[in-house]
Every structure is written in C-alpha cells, then in structure tokens.
Amino acid sequence: MIATLREMGVLRKPLMIALDWHDEMYYGNTHTDGVIGTENCRGTNYACEYATISIVTKGLRFSIATIPVRERSVLNMARATIHIVNNPGIKIKVLLMDGDFFSIDAINYLVSNNINFIMHIPKTISKNPNFWFFLICIGFIITYK
C-alpha cells in the first residue's frame, strides 16, 4: 500500500495521520495472548485491544498499520506510531488522536518532538482546572465550539 501511495504522489507532502484505539470485547479465557483488562462493556471486563494508524487525505482513509495493545501505555503507543509512520518516510502534518490516547506523557512527547496534533480530551479531564493550566503553560491554543 505504501508503495502505491508513493507512486500516486500522496506521500510527497506531510499528511494527516489518524490514530484510533479499538476494543473487541472478549468472552473467552482471560489468559489468552493479546487479551487485557478494560472497562466493563457488554458483560465482560476483557478485550482484544489494538490501535490503527491511517493516512487521511482528500476525504479518504488508508489504514497503514495495526498495533496490538499489550499494555495500556499511551506513551508507548504514541512512540510506536511515530516510529511506524516515519520508517517509510511519511511526514506528519498533524496527528489526529481519539480520547483513548489522552495522557500528559503523550502530550509532552508529541510537543517535545515538534509533532502537531489534535487530541480529544475526555470530559472528566476537561473539567479539571489544573489540566487547563498545564496546556496554557506549554503554549497550546485552545478553542471551543
């Protein structure tokens, strides 16, 4: 897929990259490789969790990688994503992240590596005034709708 996108000229300029966290609820043996604990949903506390990395361009999404989640380390997932995306020479214009990737460590990592990103902020965090102070201190521009 990457070679085809390169031939089409899609990879010549920096791209919008989406990082999404997925849970496939699991009802079997909880010691199965790849199964981790999660919030209760549909009668189970276990799921096969994975993240997808996609290129978003001209209204289309191209999934370029799937990463199994072995532990809920958002920082490690952010690092793995940057490594996977940069490896074939893809330049990131902006990284779109869903709320499952929210963490101060991930924000610090992205900021320190000069990666532009948009991250959904969970409602419970957005009500904490200390969080907003942190964002202002590291120079974020915050907008609301």
Protein backbone atom coordinates (compact mmCIF):
# COMPACT_ATOMS: atom_id res chain seq x y z
CA MET A 1 0.00 0.00 0.00
CA ILE A 2 2.77 2.46 0.91
CA ALA A 3 4.49 1.86 -2.45
CA THR A 4 1.22 2.51 -4.30
CA LEU A 5 0.59 5.73 -2.35
CA ARG A 6 4.17 6.82 -3.09
CA GLU A 7 3.67 6.16 -6.84
CA MET A 8 0.44 8.18 -6.74
CA GLY A 9 2.39 11.09 -5.21
CA VAL A 10 0.36 11.06 -2.00
CA LEU A 11 3.49 10.84 0.19
CA ARG A 12 5.29 13.86 -1.30
CA LYS A 13 3.93 16.28 1.28
CA PRO A 14 3.21 16.00 5.01
CA LEU A 15 0.00 14.11 5.73
CA MET A 16 -2.81 14.00 8.24
CA ILE A 17 -2.42 10.77 10.24
CA ALA A 18 -5.23 9.31 12.38
CA LEU A 19 -4.55 7.10 15.39
CA ASP A 20 -7.58 5.21 16.73
CA TRP A 21 -7.92 2.85 19.67
CA HIS A 22 -10.25 -0.14 19.27
CA ASP A 23 -11.68 -2.68 21.73
CA GLU A 24 -13.07 -6.00 20.56
CA MET A 25 -14.80 -7.35 23.65
CA TYR A 26 -13.62 -10.82 24.64
CA TYR A 27 -15.54 -13.56 26.47
CA GLY A 28 -13.06 -16.47 26.44
CA ASN A 29 -10.03 -17.44 28.52
CA THR A 30 -8.67 -14.25 30.09
CA HIS A 31 -5.10 -15.58 29.88
CA THR A 32 -5.19 -15.66 26.07
CA ASP A 33 -2.31 -13.71 24.49
CA GLY A 34 -3.42 -10.21 23.49
CA VAL A 35 -6.36 -10.05 25.91
CA ILE A 36 -6.20 -7.28 28.50
CA GLY A 37 -8.49 -5.88 31.17
CA THR A 38 -10.70 -2.94 30.23
CA GLU A 39 -13.86 -1.15 31.35
CA ASN A 40 -16.93 -3.34 31.65
CA CYS A 41 -18.85 -3.45 28.42
CA ARG A 42 -21.49 -5.89 27.22
CA GLY A 43 -20.93 -8.29 30.12
CA THR A 44 -17.11 -8.56 30.11
CA ASN A 45 -14.08 -6.73 31.51
CA TYR A 46 -11.70 -8.07 28.85
CA ALA A 47 -10.93 -7.14 25.27
CA CYS A 48 -8.52 -7.63 22.42
CA GLU A 49 -7.31 -4.07 22.04
CA TYR A 50 -5.48 -2.61 19.09
CA ALA A 51 -4.69 0.72 17.51
CA THR A 52 -4.96 1.57 13.84
CA ILE A 53 -2.80 4.10 12.02
CA SER A 54 -4.37 5.66 8.94
CA ILE A 55 -3.50 8.27 6.35
CA VAL A 56 -6.36 10.72 5.91
CA THR A 57 -6.32 12.52 2.58
CA LYS A 58 -8.93 14.01 0.25
CA GLY A 59 -11.76 12.52 2.27
CA LEU A 60 -10.27 9.02 2.20
CA ARG A 61 -8.67 6.88 4.91
CA PHE A 62 -5.92 4.38 4.18
CA SER A 63 -5.03 2.11 7.10
CA ILE A 64 -1.29 1.56 7.04
CA ALA A 65 -0.76 -0.33 10.30
CA THR A 66 -2.47 -2.12 13.16
CA ILE A 67 -0.70 -2.30 16.51
CA PRO A 68 -1.79 -4.80 19.19
CA VAL A 69 -2.11 -3.24 22.63
CA ARG A 70 -0.16 -5.35 25.12
CA GLU A 71 -0.50 -2.84 27.96
CA ARG A 72 -2.37 0.40 28.36
CA SER A 73 0.66 2.63 27.87
CA VAL A 74 -0.45 5.60 25.81
CA LEU A 75 3.09 6.96 25.68
CA ASN A 76 4.42 3.70 24.21
CA MET A 77 1.61 3.70 21.64
CA ALA A 78 2.45 7.28 20.63
CA ARG A 79 6.14 6.38 20.27
CA ALA A 80 5.33 3.25 18.22
CA THR A 81 3.06 5.27 15.95
CA ILE A 82 5.71 7.89 15.22
CA HIS A 83 8.27 5.15 14.52
CA ILE A 84 5.91 3.25 12.18
CA VAL A 85 4.90 6.39 10.29
CA ASN A 86 8.43 7.81 9.97
CA ASN A 87 10.00 4.49 8.93
CA PRO A 88 8.78 4.57 5.30
CA GLY A 89 9.44 8.32 5.15
CA ILE A 90 5.92 9.60 5.75
CA LYS A 91 5.91 13.13 7.12
CA ILE A 92 3.23 14.05 9.65
CA LYS A 93 1.34 17.30 9.08
CA VAL A 94 -0.98 16.65 12.01
CA LEU A 95 -1.68 13.58 14.14
CA LEU A 96 -5.38 13.04 14.99
CA MET A 97 -5.90 11.04 18.18
CA ASP A 98 -9.08 9.82 19.83
CA GLY A 99 -9.73 10.26 23.55
CA ASP A 100 -8.25 6.87 24.46
CA PHE A 101 -4.80 8.32 23.74
CA PHE A 102 -5.18 11.21 26.14
CA SER A 103 -2.29 11.45 28.61
CA ILE A 104 0.01 14.20 29.82
CA ASP A 105 3.03 11.99 28.99
CA ALA A 106 1.84 11.58 25.38
CA ILE A 107 1.23 15.33 25.07
CA ASN A 108 4.73 16.06 26.40
CA TYR A 109 6.24 13.51 23.99
CA LEU A 110 4.46 14.97 20.96
CA VAL A 111 5.29 18.55 21.91
CA SER A 112 8.97 17.72 22.56
CA ASN A 113 9.17 16.04 19.13
CA ASN A 114 7.50 19.01 17.37
CA ILE A 115 4.55 16.93 16.20
CA ASN A 116 1.34 18.84 15.53
CA PHE A 117 -1.64 17.00 16.93
CA ILE A 118 -5.31 17.20 17.72
CA MET A 119 -6.44 15.08 20.64
CA HIS A 120 -9.90 14.55 22.02
CA ILE A 121 -10.00 15.50 25.70
CA PRO A 122 -12.30 13.37 27.87
CA LYS A 123 -14.99 15.38 29.70
CA THR A 124 -13.77 14.30 33.14
CA ILE A 125 -10.32 15.76 32.41
CA SER A 126 -11.56 18.93 30.74
CA LYS A 127 -13.33 19.94 33.97
CA ASN A 128 -10.03 19.92 35.91
CA PRO A 129 -8.58 23.49 36.13
CA ASN A 130 -5.05 22.12 36.68
CA PHE A 131 -5.18 20.48 33.26
CA TRP A 132 -6.03 23.76 31.52
CA PHE A 133 -3.20 25.49 33.40
CA PHE A 134 -0.81 22.79 32.11
CA LEU A 135 -1.93 23.30 28.49
CA ILE A 136 -1.55 27.07 28.76
CA CYS A 137 1.96 26.65 30.26
CA ILE A 138 3.17 24.58 27.30
CA GLY A 139 1.72 27.06 24.81
CA PHE A 140 -1.46 25.48 23.49
CA ILE A 141 -4.14 27.47 21.76
CA ILE A 142 -7.47 26.16 22.99
CA THR A 143 -10.71 26.63 21.09
CA TYR A 144 -14.26 25.63 21.88
CA LYS A 145 -17.36 25.15 19.78
